């Protein structure tokens, strides 16, 4: 596999670039708070956060009860999906791998819907079923796509696409048998719905996402070696199976968790990690923080478009990401990644 050697990377450079990404994220959050069906001026936004604006003021209610929790959820979901894309692309050494295309998101969504049908609570039961669905999907993808000489990325990708279609069919069956009053809500959720966000789920999602990202960052050097080739990894003493299983379990946890609250949102884990790799190289010590923060920025922008482009109505955010992601996926299929293997 032809790969550009990983250049020495200082901690200072990682911190500097990550800080710049955080600044961009902050600016995007501010812009998203200002935009919407109801116009909110910058002065009123500052007043709401400084406390000079009464808590009962309509602008303050819109900011703190509607927009802010939705923006935070979009950031956490985008962060998680992009982080999952970075890890999958490294493990499979293929730029086309992401949680949506591999069927992980649809398996997680199927688990969440089954939890809803079985009457489980949204606080614990539905997220647990969503995680179980993601874990089952990863097991099936790896088991069906694995060959004796290791994981062939093209085979695993095709297996993921097939499972994605199969799980989507089962999801549509459940939706078709749902009562008419819940049908629209479930369909909207299926294409990515952040409109029902509130602070309760955020208190669950945020600590898990932070802990998972720290764990995965600890595997950044392992991912660098795995990306360079499994034979090199074995020679350097990296326990590939343990590293892969640990990464897959952690990614399953965060994908299952965020999908249970956000629905199916595709292509975030495809577009953002690839753009981050093009801009900053393939060293995962840089790629993990930059790609994850980029995913948060991307989905906040996409969700802002989803709720403003046809205002006062809104689109599922998954529609916006699909509009952007489908052409990018075709581009990657044509280019096939100049720095990746063609296995």
C-alpha atoms as a PDB file:
ATOM      1  CA  UNK A   1       0.000   0.000   0.000  1.00  0.00           C
ATOM      2  CA  UNK A   2       1.403   3.366  -0.996  1.00  0.00           C
ATOM      3  CA  UNK A   3       1.294   5.686   1.979  1.00  0.00           C
ATOM      4  CA  UNK A   4       3.020   8.947   2.742  1.00  0.00           C
ATOM      5  CA  UNK A   5       5.263   8.472   5.790  1.00  0.00           C
ATOM      6  CA  UNK A   6       3.830   9.971   8.950  1.00  0.00           C
ATOM      7  CA  UNK A   7       5.846  13.074   9.766  1.00  0.00           C
ATOM      8  CA  UNK A   8       6.830  13.893  13.358  1.00  0.00           C
ATOM      9  CA  UNK A   9       3.905  15.579  15.062  1.00  0.00           C
ATOM     10  CA  UNK A  10       4.347  17.746  18.121  1.00  0.00           C
ATOM     11  CA  UNK A  11       1.794  17.982  20.906  1.00  0.00           C
ATOM     12  CA  UNK A  12       1.847  21.761  20.493  1.00  0.00           C
ATOM     13  CA  UNK A  13       0.673  21.510  16.894  1.00  0.00           C
ATOM     14  CA  UNK A  14      -2.175  19.176  17.844  1.00  0.00           C
ATOM     15  CA  UNK A  15      -3.269  21.520  20.634  1.00  0.00           C
ATOM     16  CA  UNK A  16      -3.039  24.594  18.388  1.00  0.00           C
ATOM     17  CA  UNK A  17      -5.067  23.091  15.544  1.00  0.00           C
ATOM     18  CA  UNK A  18      -7.610  21.662  17.979  1.00  0.00           C
ATOM     19  CA  UNK A  19      -7.944  25.074  19.648  1.00  0.00           C
ATOM     20  CA  UNK A  20      -8.591  26.678  16.262  1.00  0.00           C
ATOM     21  CA  UNK A  21     -11.259  24.052  15.548  1.00  0.00           C
ATOM     22  CA  UNK A  22     -12.844  24.778  18.936  1.00  0.00           C
ATOM     23  CA  UNK A  23     -12.908  28.485  18.064  1.00  0.00           C
ATOM     24  CA  UNK A  24     -14.624  27.682  14.768  1.00  0.00           C
ATOM     25  CA  UNK A  25     -17.093  25.499  16.644  1.00  0.00           C
ATOM     26  CA  UNK A  26     -17.854  28.355  19.051  1.00  0.00           C
ATOM     27  CA  UNK A  27     -18.516  30.757  16.167  1.00  0.00           C
ATOM     28  CA  UNK A  28     -20.785  28.241  14.432  1.00  0.00           C
ATOM     29  CA  UNK A  29     -22.749  27.740  17.664  1.00  0.00           C
ATOM     30  CA  UNK A  30     -23.239  31.499  18.010  1.00  0.00           C
ATOM     31  CA  UNK A  31     -24.414  31.801  14.416  1.00  0.00           C
ATOM     32  CA  UNK A  32     -26.787  28.869  14.821  1.00  0.00           C
ATOM     33  CA  UNK A  33     -28.284  30.439  17.971  1.00  0.00           C
ATOM     34  CA  UNK A  34     -29.075  33.590  16.004  1.00  0.00           C
ATOM     35  CA  UNK A  35     -30.670  31.864  12.997  1.00  0.00           C
ATOM     36  CA  UNK A  36     -34.149  30.394  12.929  1.00  0.00           C
ATOM     37  CA  UNK A  37     -37.818  31.095  12.337  1.00  0.00           C
ATOM     38  CA  UNK A  38     -37.813  33.683  15.135  1.00  0.00           C
ATOM     39  CA  UNK A  39     -35.275  36.453  14.642  1.00  0.00           C
ATOM     40  CA  UNK A  40     -32.925  36.989  17.573  1.00  0.00           C
ATOM     41  CA  UNK A  41     -30.461  39.872  17.558  1.00  0.00           C
ATOM     42  CA  UNK A  42     -26.902  39.550  18.804  1.00  0.00           C
ATOM     43  CA  UNK A  43     -27.670  42.002  21.630  1.00  0.00           C
ATOM     44  CA  UNK A  44     -30.518  39.833  22.900  1.00  0.00           C
ATOM     45  CA  UNK A  45     -28.295  36.753  22.633  1.00  0.00           C
ATOM     46  CA  UNK A  46     -25.644  38.441  24.778  1.00  0.00           C
ATOM     47  CA  UNK A  47     -28.338  39.612  27.173  1.00  0.00           C
ATOM     48  CA  UNK A  48     -29.703  36.097  27.552  1.00  0.00           C
ATOM     49  CA  UNK A  49     -26.305  34.669  28.510  1.00  0.00           C
ATOM     50  CA  UNK A  50     -25.297  37.633  30.679  1.00  0.00           C
ATOM     51  CA  UNK A  51     -28.545  37.481  32.634  1.00  0.00           C
ATOM     52  CA  UNK A  52     -29.697  40.987  31.730  1.00  0.00           C
ATOM     53  CA  UNK A  53     -32.556  39.517  29.696  1.00  0.00           C
ATOM     54  CA  UNK A  54     -35.435  38.177  31.861  1.00  0.00           C
ATOM     55  CA  UNK A  55     -35.705  34.387  31.910  1.00  0.00           C
ATOM     56  CA  UNK A  56     -39.350  34.620  30.841  1.00  0.00           C
ATOM     57  CA  UNK A  57     -38.487  36.703  27.775  1.00  0.00           C
ATOM     58  CA  UNK A  58     -39.501  34.874  24.553  1.00  0.00           C
ATOM     59  CA  UNK A  59     -35.976  35.225  23.137  1.00  0.00           C
ATOM     60  CA  UNK A  60     -34.441  33.646  26.246  1.00  0.00           C
ATOM     61  CA  UNK A  61     -36.944  30.793  26.122  1.00  0.00           C
ATOM     62  CA  UNK A  62     -36.163  30.141  22.454  1.00  0.00           C
ATOM     63  CA  UNK A  63     -32.418  30.228  23.090  1.00  0.00           C
ATOM     64  CA  UNK A  64     -32.266  28.052  26.205  1.00  0.00           C
ATOM     65  CA  UNK A  65     -35.274  25.756  25.773  1.00  0.00           C
ATOM     66  CA  UNK A  66     -35.213  25.103  22.011  1.00  0.00           C
ATOM     67  CA  UNK A  67     -32.051  26.097  20.176  1.00  0.00           C
ATOM     68  CA  UNK A  68     -29.238  25.504  22.654  1.00  0.00           C
ATOM     69  CA  UNK A  69     -30.086  21.876  23.578  1.00  0.00           C
ATOM     70  CA  UNK A  70     -30.637  21.094  19.900  1.00  0.00           C
ATOM     71  CA  UNK A  71     -27.284  22.618  18.941  1.00  0.00           C
ATOM     72  CA  UNK A  72     -25.492  20.722  21.715  1.00  0.00           C
ATOM     73  CA  UNK A  73     -27.124  17.463  20.617  1.00  0.00           C
ATOM     74  CA  UNK A  74     -26.169  18.125  16.979  1.00  0.00           C
ATOM     75  CA  UNK A  75     -22.586  18.782  18.063  1.00  0.00           C
ATOM     76  CA  UNK A  76     -22.372  15.591  20.131  1.00  0.00           C
ATOM     77  CA  UNK A  77     -23.942  13.470  17.381  1.00  0.00           C
ATOM     78  CA  UNK A  78     -21.707  14.940  14.668  1.00  0.00           C
ATOM     79  CA  UNK A  79     -18.664  14.505  16.913  1.00  0.00           C
ATOM     80  CA  UNK A  80     -19.530  10.836  17.526  1.00  0.00           C
ATOM     81  CA  UNK A  81     -20.377   9.939  13.922  1.00  0.00           C
ATOM     82  CA  UNK A  82     -17.216  11.550  12.589  1.00  0.00           C
ATOM     83  CA  UNK A  83     -15.109   9.871  15.290  1.00  0.00           C
ATOM     84  CA  UNK A  84     -16.662   6.542  14.297  1.00  0.00           C
ATOM     85  CA  UNK A  85     -15.817   7.239  10.659  1.00  0.00           C
ATOM     86  CA  UNK A  86     -12.179   7.991  11.525  1.00  0.00           C
ATOM     87  CA  UNK A  87     -11.853   4.710  13.421  1.00  0.00           C
ATOM     88  CA  UNK A  88     -13.619   2.561  10.808  1.00  0.00           C
ATOM     89  CA  UNK A  89     -11.601   4.046   7.952  1.00  0.00           C
ATOM     90  CA  UNK A  90      -8.406   3.274   9.859  1.00  0.00           C
ATOM     91  CA  UNK A  91      -9.358  -0.277  10.817  1.00  0.00           C
ATOM     92  CA  UNK A  92     -10.545  -1.153   7.301  1.00  0.00           C
ATOM     93  CA  UNK A  93      -7.963   1.058   5.547  1.00  0.00           C
ATOM     94  CA  UNK A  94     -10.698   2.319   3.265  1.00  0.00           C
ATOM     95  CA  UNK A  95     -12.034   5.893   2.861  1.00  0.00           C
ATOM     96  CA  UNK A  96     -15.538   4.611   2.085  1.00  0.00           C
ATOM     97  CA  UNK A  97     -16.090   3.162   5.572  1.00  0.00           C
ATOM     98  CA  UNK A  98     -18.409   4.979   7.947  1.00  0.00           C
ATOM     99  CA  UNK A  99     -21.061   3.951  10.502  1.00  0.00           C
ATOM    100  CA  UNK A 100     -23.952   4.657   8.113  1.00  0.00           C
ATOM    101  CA  UNK A 101     -22.607   2.799   5.055  1.00  0.00           C
ATOM    102  CA  UNK A 102     -21.443  -0.166   7.156  1.00  0.00           C
ATOM    103  CA  UNK A 103     -24.970  -0.543   8.520  1.00  0.00           C
ATOM    104  CA  UNK A 104     -23.980   0.280  12.106  1.00  0.00           C
ATOM    105  CA  UNK A 105     -26.372   3.236  12.265  1.00  0.00           C
ATOM    106  CA  UNK A 106     -29.292   1.272  10.803  1.00  0.00           C
ATOM    107  CA  UNK A 107     -28.630  -1.649  13.157  1.00  0.00           C
ATOM    108  CA  UNK A 108     -28.572   0.791  16.048  1.00  0.00           C
ATOM    109  CA  UNK A 109     -31.798   2.401  14.817  1.00  0.00           C
ATOM    110  CA  UNK A 110     -33.442  -1.017  14.534  1.00  0.00           C
ATOM    111  CA  UNK A 111     -32.488  -1.767  18.129  1.00  0.00           C
ATOM    112  CA  UNK A 112     -33.908   1.580  19.252  1.00  0.00           C
ATOM    113  CA  UNK A 113     -37.197   1.028  17.400  1.00  0.00           C
ATOM    114  CA  UNK A 114     -37.519  -2.459  18.878  1.00  0.00           C
ATOM    115  CA  UNK A 115     -36.966  -0.913  22.287  1.00  0.00           C
ATOM    116  CA  UNK A 116     -39.736   1.596  21.589  1.00  0.00           C
ATOM    117  CA  UNK A 117     -42.078  -1.152  20.357  1.00  0.00           C
ATOM    118  CA  UNK A 118     -41.343  -3.250  23.460  1.00  0.00           C
ATOM    119  CA  UNK A 119     -42.137  -0.252  25.660  1.00  0.00           C
ATOM    120  CA  UNK A 120     -38.676   0.312  27.123  1.00  0.00           C
ATOM    121  CA  UNK A 121     -37.837   3.674  28.666  1.00  0.00           C
ATOM    122  CA  UNK A 122     -35.923   6.313  26.708  1.00  0.00           C
ATOM    123  CA  UNK A 123     -33.615   6.889  29.687  1.00  0.00           C
ATOM    124  CA  UNK A 124     -32.054   3.409  29.769  1.00  0.00           C
ATOM    125  CA  UNK A 125     -33.902   0.774  27.745  1.00  0.00           C
ATOM    126  CA  UNK A 126     -33.914   2.376  24.287  1.00  0.00           C
ATOM    127  CA  UNK A 127     -30.217   3.426  24.389  1.00  0.00           C
ATOM    128  CA  UNK A 128     -29.290  -0.075  25.591  1.00  0.00           C
ATOM    129  CA  UNK A 129     -31.232  -1.694  22.740  1.00  0.00           C
ATOM    130  CA  UNK A 130     -29.643   0.753  20.317  1.00  0.00           C
ATOM    131  CA  UNK A 131     -26.158  -0.190  21.551  1.00  0.00           C
ATOM    132  CA  UNK A 132     -27.048  -3.890  21.291  1.00  0.00           C
ATOM    133  CA  UNK A 133     -28.191  -3.340  17.688  1.00  0.00           C
ATOM    134  CA  UNK A 134     -24.932  -1.561  16.826  1.00  0.00           C
ATOM    135  CA  UNK A 135     -22.886  -4.305  18.485  1.00  0.00           C
ATOM    136  CA  UNK A 136     -24.803  -7.050  16.672  1.00  0.00           C
ATOM    137  CA  UNK A 137     -24.315  -5.283  13.343  1.00  0.00           C
ATOM    138  CA  UNK A 138     -20.560  -4.942  13.851  1.00  0.00           C
ATOM    139  CA  UNK A 139     -20.369  -8.633  14.758  1.00  0.00           C
ATOM    140  CA  UNK A 140     -22.288  -9.633  11.626  1.00  0.00           C
ATOM    141  CA  UNK A 141     -20.275  -7.301   9.370  1.00  0.00           C
ATOM    142  CA  UNK A 142     -16.949  -8.568  10.676  1.00  0.00           C
ATOM    143  CA  UNK A 143     -18.019 -12.235  10.834  1.00  0.00           C
ATOM    144  CA  UNK A 144     -19.473 -12.280   7.318  1.00  0.00           C
ATOM    145  CA  UNK A 145     -16.798 -10.080   5.790  1.00  0.00           C
ATOM    146  CA  UNK A 146     -13.727 -11.632   7.381  1.00  0.00           C
ATOM    147  CA  UNK A 147     -11.450 -13.933   5.428  1.00  0.00           C
ATOM    148  CA  UNK A 148      -8.663 -16.162   6.660  1.00  0.00           C
ATOM    149  CA  UNK A 149      -5.979 -13.587   5.901  1.00  0.00           C
ATOM    150  CA  UNK A 150      -7.707 -10.744   7.720  1.00  0.00           C
ATOM    151  CA  UNK A 151     -10.458  -8.264   7.057  1.00  0.00           C
ATOM    152  CA  UNK A 152     -10.892  -7.470   3.379  1.00  0.00           C
ATOM    153  CA  UNK A 153     -12.265  -3.945   3.301  1.00  0.00           C
ATOM    154  CA  UNK A 154     -14.235  -4.315   0.077  1.00  0.00           C
ATOM    155  CA  UNK A 155     -15.946  -7.477   1.334  1.00  0.00           C
ATOM    156  CA  UNK A 156     -16.787  -5.882   4.663  1.00  0.00           C
ATOM    157  CA  UNK A 157     -18.134  -2.758   2.965  1.00  0.00           C
ATOM    158  CA  UNK A 158     -20.377  -4.849   0.705  1.00  0.00           C
ATOM    159  CA  UNK A 159     -21.562  -6.860   3.717  1.00  0.00           C
ATOM    160  CA  UNK A 160     -22.364  -3.618   5.521  1.00  0.00           C
ATOM    161  CA  UNK A 161     -24.339  -2.278   2.563  1.00  0.00           C
ATOM    162  CA  UNK A 162     -26.390  -5.485   2.410  1.00  0.00           C
ATOM    163  CA  UNK A 163     -27.084  -5.473   6.156  1.00  0.00           C
ATOM    164  CA  UNK A 164     -27.978  -1.789   5.943  1.00  0.00           C
ATOM    165  CA  UNK A 165     -30.621  -2.561   3.316  1.00  0.00           C
ATOM    166  CA  UNK A 166     -31.914  -5.528   5.317  1.00  0.00           C
ATOM    167  CA  UNK A 167     -32.203  -3.603   8.584  1.00  0.00           C
ATOM    168  CA  UNK A 168     -33.834  -0.674   6.796  1.00  0.00           C
ATOM    169  CA  UNK A 169     -36.467  -3.065   5.424  1.00  0.00           C
ATOM    170  CA  UNK A 170     -37.207  -4.341   8.938  1.00  0.00           C
ATOM    171  CA  UNK A 171     -37.430  -0.750  10.214  1.00  0.00           C
ATOM    172  CA  UNK A 172     -39.910   0.090   7.457  1.00  0.00           C
ATOM    173  CA  UNK A 173     -41.967  -2.955   8.469  1.00  0.00           C
ATOM    174  CA  UNK A 174     -42.244  -1.676  12.031  1.00  0.00           C
ATOM    175  CA  UNK A 175     -43.111   1.804  10.765  1.00  0.00           C
ATOM    176  CA  UNK A 176     -45.750   0.428   8.392  1.00  0.00           C
ATOM    177  CA  UNK A 177     -47.471  -1.376  11.264  1.00  0.00           C
ATOM    178  CA  UNK A 178     -47.301   1.630  13.600  1.00  0.00           C
ATOM    179  CA  UNK A 179     -50.392   3.670  14.421  1.00  0.00           C
ATOM    180  CA  UNK A 180     -51.029   6.624  12.122  1.00  0.00           C
ATOM    181  CA  UNK A 181     -50.491   9.089  14.966  1.00  0.00           C
ATOM    182  CA  UNK A 182     -46.896   7.896  15.445  1.00  0.00           C
ATOM    183  CA  UNK A 183     -46.097   7.256  11.787  1.00  0.00           C
ATOM    184  CA  UNK A 184     -44.972  10.786  10.898  1.00  0.00           C
ATOM    185  CA  UNK A 185     -42.828  11.087  14.031  1.00  0.00           C
ATOM    186  CA  UNK A 186     -41.098   7.754  13.374  1.00  0.00           C
ATOM    187  CA  UNK A 187     -40.509   8.565   9.701  1.00  0.00           C
ATOM    188  CA  UNK A 188     -39.056  11.953  10.595  1.00  0.00           C
ATOM    189  CA  UNK A 189     -36.815  10.314  13.215  1.00  0.00           C
ATOM    190  CA  UNK A 190     -35.683   7.724  10.687  1.00  0.00           C
ATOM    191  CA  UNK A 191     -34.073  10.450   8.560  1.00  0.00           C
ATOM    192  CA  UNK A 192     -32.485  12.223  11.506  1.00  0.00           C
ATOM    193  CA  UNK A 193     -34.521  14.280  13.951  1.00  0.00           C
ATOM    194  CA  UNK A 194     -32.924  16.610  16.487  1.00  0.00           C
ATOM    195  CA  UNK A 195     -36.073  18.625  17.164  1.00  0.00           C
ATOM    196  CA  UNK A 196     -37.010  16.696  20.322  1.00  0.00           C
ATOM    197  CA  UNK A 197     -33.725  17.451  22.084  1.00  0.00           C
ATOM    198  CA  UNK A 198     -33.651  18.501  25.739  1.00  0.00           C
ATOM    199  CA  UNK A 199     -31.059  18.619  28.475  1.00  0.00           C
ATOM    200  CA  UNK A 200     -31.877  15.231  30.033  1.00  0.00           C
ATOM    201  CA  UNK A 201     -30.341  13.059  27.263  1.00  0.00           C
ATOM    202  CA  UNK A 202     -27.406  15.452  26.949  1.00  0.00           C
ATOM    203  CA  UNK A 203     -26.389  14.654  30.515  1.00  0.00           C
ATOM    204  CA  UNK A 204     -26.153  11.001  29.450  1.00  0.00           C
ATOM    205  CA  UNK A 205     -24.557  11.458  26.039  1.00  0.00           C
ATOM    206  CA  UNK A 206     -21.882  14.056  26.827  1.00  0.00           C
ATOM    207  CA  UNK A 207     -19.898  12.127  29.492  1.00  0.00           C
ATOM    208  CA  UNK A 208     -19.986   8.922  27.424  1.00  0.00           C
ATOM    209  CA  UNK A 209     -18.798  10.694  24.260  1.00  0.00           C
ATOM    210  CA  UNK A 210     -15.977  12.473  26.126  1.00  0.00           C
ATOM    211  CA  UNK A 211     -14.818   9.245  27.813  1.00  0.00           C
ATOM    212  CA  UNK A 212     -15.023   7.285  24.534  1.00  0.00           C
ATOM    213  CA  UNK A 213     -13.040   9.914  22.624  1.00  0.00           C
ATOM    214  CA  UNK A 214     -10.295   9.835  25.273  1.00  0.00           C
ATOM    215  CA  UNK A 215     -10.113   6.040  25.056  1.00  0.00           C
ATOM    216  CA  UNK A 216      -9.980   6.076  21.251  1.00  0.00           C
ATOM    217  CA  UNK A 217      -7.329   8.800  21.275  1.00  0.00           C
ATOM    218  CA  UNK A 218      -5.261   6.439  23.398  1.00  0.00           C
ATOM    219  CA  UNK A 219      -5.342   4.035  20.440  1.00  0.00           C
ATOM    220  CA  UNK A 220      -4.212   6.707  17.943  1.00  0.00           C
ATOM    221  CA  UNK A 221      -0.712   5.264  17.580  1.00  0.00           C
ATOM    222  CA  UNK A 222      -2.162   1.774  17.143  1.00  0.00           C
ATOM    223  CA  UNK A 223      -4.452   3.089  14.418  1.00  0.00           C
ATOM    224  CA  UNK A 224      -1.468   4.703  12.680  1.00  0.00           C
ATOM    225  CA  UNK A 225       0.340   1.362  12.612  1.00  0.00           C
ATOM    226  CA  UNK A 226      -2.756  -0.588  11.528  1.00  0.00           C
ATOM    227  CA  UNK A 227      -3.339   1.906   8.702  1.00  0.00           C
ATOM    228  CA  UNK A 228       0.200   1.317   7.486  1.00  0.00           C
ATOM    229  CA  UNK A 229      -0.528  -2.405   7.153  1.00  0.00           C
ATOM    230  CA  UNK A 230      -1.338  -5.344   9.414  1.00  0.00           C
ATOM    231  CA  UNK A 231       1.958  -7.089   8.643  1.00  0.00           C
ATOM    232  CA  UNK A 232       3.855  -4.029   9.866  1.00  0.00           C
ATOM    233  CA  UNK A 233       1.623  -3.904  12.931  1.00  0.00           C
ATOM    234  CA  UNK A 234       2.444  -7.524  13.821  1.00  0.00           C
ATOM    235  CA  UNK A 235       6.161  -6.893  13.344  1.00  0.00           C
ATOM    236  CA  UNK A 236       5.963  -3.879  15.658  1.00  0.00           C
ATOM    237  CA  UNK A 237       4.248  -5.950  18.332  1.00  0.00           C
ATOM    238  CA  UNK A 238       0.777  -4.438  18.074  1.00  0.00           C
ATOM    239  CA  UNK A 239      -1.942  -6.865  19.184  1.00  0.00           C
ATOM    240  CA  UNK A 240      -4.247  -6.205  16.239  1.00  0.00           C
ATOM    241  CA  UNK A 241      -7.238  -8.241  17.353  1.00  0.00           C
ATOM    242  CA  UNK A 242      -7.354  -6.692  20.824  1.00  0.00           C
ATOM    243  CA  UNK A 243      -6.912  -3.168  19.461  1.00  0.00           C
ATOM    244  CA  UNK A 244      -9.626  -3.700  16.830  1.00  0.00           C
ATOM    245  CA  UNK A 245     -12.084  -5.239  19.267  1.00  0.00           C
ATOM    246  CA  UNK A 246     -11.558  -2.461  21.806  1.00  0.00           C
ATOM    247  CA  UNK A 247     -12.066   0.235  19.168  1.00  0.00           C
ATOM    248  CA  UNK A 248     -15.121  -1.492  17.716  1.00  0.00           C
ATOM    249  CA  UNK A 249     -16.752  -1.855  21.138  1.00  0.00           C
ATOM    250  CA  UNK A 250     -16.174   1.788  22.037  1.00  0.00           C
ATOM    251  CA  UNK A 251     -17.453   3.004  18.664  1.00  0.00           C
ATOM    252  CA  UNK A 252     -20.516   0.744  19.000  1.00  0.00           C
ATOM    253  CA  UNK A 253     -21.265   2.306  22.368  1.00  0.00           C
ATOM    254  CA  UNK A 254     -21.234   5.918  21.179  1.00  0.00           C
ATOM    255  CA  UNK A 255     -22.958   5.224  17.830  1.00  0.00           C
ATOM    256  CA  UNK A 256     -25.687   3.218  19.533  1.00  0.00           C
ATOM    257  CA  UNK A 257     -26.171   5.940  22.116  1.00  0.00           C
ATOM    258  CA  UNK A 258     -26.383   8.928  19.761  1.00  0.00           C
ATOM    259  CA  UNK A 259     -28.544   7.149  17.165  1.00  0.00           C
ATOM    260  CA  UNK A 260     -31.113   6.284  19.832  1.00  0.00           C
ATOM    261  CA  UNK A 261     -31.612  10.023  20.406  1.00  0.00           C
ATOM    262  CA  UNK A 262     -30.998  11.435  16.921  1.00  0.00           C
ATOM    263  CA  UNK A 263     -32.208   8.818  14.446  1.00  0.00           C
ATOM    264  CA  UNK A 264     -30.370   7.912  11.233  1.00  0.00           C
ATOM    265  CA  UNK A 265     -27.992  10.597  10.001  1.00  0.00           C
ATOM    266  CA  UNK A 266     -25.777   9.474   7.165  1.00  0.00           C
ATOM    267  CA  UNK A 267     -22.489  10.514   5.570  1.00  0.00           C
ATOM    268  CA  UNK A 268     -21.106  12.592   8.464  1.00  0.00           C
ATOM    269  CA  UNK A 269     -18.559   9.879   9.196  1.00  0.00           C
ATOM    270  CA  UNK A 270     -17.683   9.718   5.499  1.00  0.00           C
ATOM    271  CA  UNK A 271     -17.259  13.364   4.523  1.00  0.00           C
ATOM    272  CA  UNK A 272     -15.579  14.940   7.536  1.00  0.00           C
ATOM    273  CA  UNK A 273     -12.807  12.401   8.279  1.00  0.00           C
ATOM    274  CA  UNK A 274     -11.792  12.345   4.623  1.00  0.00           C
ATOM    275  CA  UNK A 275     -11.631  16.153   4.425  1.00  0.00           C
ATOM    276  CA  UNK A 276      -9.656  16.236   7.686  1.00  0.00           C
ATOM    277  CA  UNK A 277      -7.228  13.672   6.284  1.00  0.00           C
ATOM    278  CA  UNK A 278      -6.792  15.699   3.102  1.00  0.00           C
ATOM    279  CA  UNK A 279      -6.086  18.861   5.120  1.00  0.00           C
ATOM    280  CA  UNK A 280      -4.008  17.553   8.038  1.00  0.00           C
ATOM    281  CA  UNK A 281      -2.630  14.160   7.002  1.00  0.00           C
ATOM    282  CA  UNK A 282      -3.288  10.643   8.241  1.00  0.00           C
ATOM    283  CA  UNK A 283      -1.722  10.804  11.709  1.00  0.00           C
ATOM    284  CA  UNK A 284      -4.551   9.859  14.061  1.00  0.00           C
ATOM    285  CA  UNK A 285      -3.087  11.925  16.896  1.00  0.00           C
ATOM    286  CA  UNK A 286      -4.241  14.896  14.817  1.00  0.00           C
ATOM    287  CA  UNK A 287      -7.019  13.221  12.848  1.00  0.00           C
ATOM    288  CA  UNK A 288      -9.107  12.100  15.843  1.00  0.00           C
ATOM    289  CA  UNK A 289      -9.545  15.529  17.508  1.00  0.00           C
ATOM    290  CA  UNK A 290      -9.733  17.492  14.243  1.00  0.00           C
ATOM    291  CA  UNK A 291     -12.101  15.038  12.548  1.00  0.00           C
ATOM    292  CA  UNK A 292     -14.370  14.804  15.594  1.00  0.00           C
ATOM    293  CA  UNK A 293     -14.605  18.567  16.091  1.00  0.00           C
ATOM    294  CA  UNK A 294     -15.128  18.947  12.346  1.00  0.00           C
ATOM    295  CA  UNK A 295     -18.031  16.515  12.578  1.00  0.00           C
ATOM    296  CA  UNK A 296     -19.618  18.615  15.319  1.00  0.00           C
ATOM    297  CA  UNK A 297     -19.264  21.764  13.200  1.00  0.00           C
ATOM    298  CA  UNK A 298     -20.588  20.027  10.088  1.00  0.00           C
ATOM    299  CA  UNK A 299     -23.742  18.660  11.726  1.00  0.00           C
ATOM    300  CA  UNK A 300     -24.555  21.925  13.527  1.00  0.00           C
ATOM    301  CA  UNK A 301     -24.350  23.730  10.170  1.00  0.00           C
ATOM    302  CA  UNK A 302     -26.432  21.010   8.489  1.00  0.00           C
ATOM    303  CA  UNK A 303     -29.085  21.142  11.224  1.00  0.00           C
ATOM    304  CA  UNK A 304     -29.208  24.935  11.022  1.00  0.00           C
ATOM    305  CA  UNK A 305     -29.888  24.608   7.292  1.00  0.00           C
ATOM    306  CA  UNK A 306     -32.499  21.913   7.977  1.00  0.00           C
ATOM    307  CA  UNK A 307     -34.527  24.196  10.248  1.00  0.00           C
ATOM    308  CA  UNK A 308     -34.144  27.412   8.219  1.00  0.00           C
ATOM    309  CA  UNK A 309     -34.075  26.512   4.508  1.00  0.00           C
ATOM    310  CA  UNK A 310     -37.868  26.003   4.279  1.00  0.00           C
ATOM    311  CA  UNK A 311     -38.784  27.970   7.419  1.00  0.00           C
ATOM    312  CA  UNK A 312     -41.230  27.885   9.192  1.00  0.00           C
ATOM    313  CA  UNK A 313     -41.255  24.177   8.303  1.00  0.00           C
ATOM    314  CA  UNK A 314     -38.109  22.111   8.674  1.00  0.00           C
ATOM    315  CA  UNK A 315     -36.355  19.169   7.044  1.00  0.00           C
ATOM    316  CA  UNK A 316     -34.848  16.113   8.736  1.00  0.00           C
ATOM    317  CA  UNK A 317     -31.146  16.828   9.118  1.00  0.00           C
ATOM    318  CA  UNK A 318     -30.375  13.502   7.415  1.00  0.00           C
ATOM    319  CA  UNK A 319     -31.809  14.937   4.196  1.00  0.00           C
ATOM    320  CA  UNK A 320     -29.219  17.742   4.239  1.00  0.00           C
ATOM    321  CA  UNK A 321     -26.309  15.402   4.986  1.00  0.00           C
ATOM    322  CA  UNK A 322     -27.467  13.039   2.223  1.00  0.00           C
ATOM    323  CA  UNK A 323     -27.603  15.898  -0.303  1.00  0.00           C
ATOM    324  CA  UNK A 324     -23.997  16.677   0.542  1.00  0.00           C
ATOM    325  CA  UNK A 325     -22.780  13.145   1.170  1.00  0.00           C
ATOM    326  CA  UNK A 326     -24.088  11.259  -1.854  1.00  0.00           C
ATOM    327  CA  UNK A 327     -22.044  13.264  -4.420  1.00  0.00           C
ATOM    328  CA  UNK A 328     -19.008  13.036  -2.138  1.00  0.00           C
ATOM    329  CA  UNK A 329     -19.435   9.258  -1.910  1.00  0.00           C
ATOM    330  CA  UNK A 330     -19.522   9.036  -5.706  1.00  0.00           C
ATOM    331  CA  UNK A 331     -16.352  11.158  -5.843  1.00  0.00           C
ATOM    332  CA  UNK A 332     -14.592   8.775  -3.455  1.00  0.00           C
ATOM    333  CA  UNK A 333     -15.744   5.782  -5.485  1.00  0.00           C
ATOM    334  CA  UNK A 334     -14.185   7.344  -8.591  1.00  0.00           C
ATOM    335  CA  UNK A 335     -10.955   8.405  -6.895  1.00  0.00           C
ATOM    336  CA  UNK A 336     -10.867   5.403  -4.525  1.00  0.00           C
ATOM    337  CA  UNK A 337      -8.484   7.212  -2.223  1.00  0.00           C
ATOM    338  CA  UNK A 338      -4.983   7.769  -3.593  1.00  0.00           C
ATOM    339  CA  UNK A 339      -3.400   7.031  -0.208  1.00  0.00           C
ATOM    340  CA  UNK A 340      -5.412   3.913   0.567  1.00  0.00           C
ATOM    341  CA  UNK A 341      -5.226   0.305  -0.431  1.00  0.00           C
ATOM    342  CA  UNK A 342      -7.492  -1.137  -3.099  1.00  0.00           C
ATOM    343  CA  UNK A 343      -8.161  -4.340  -1.215  1.00  0.00           C
END
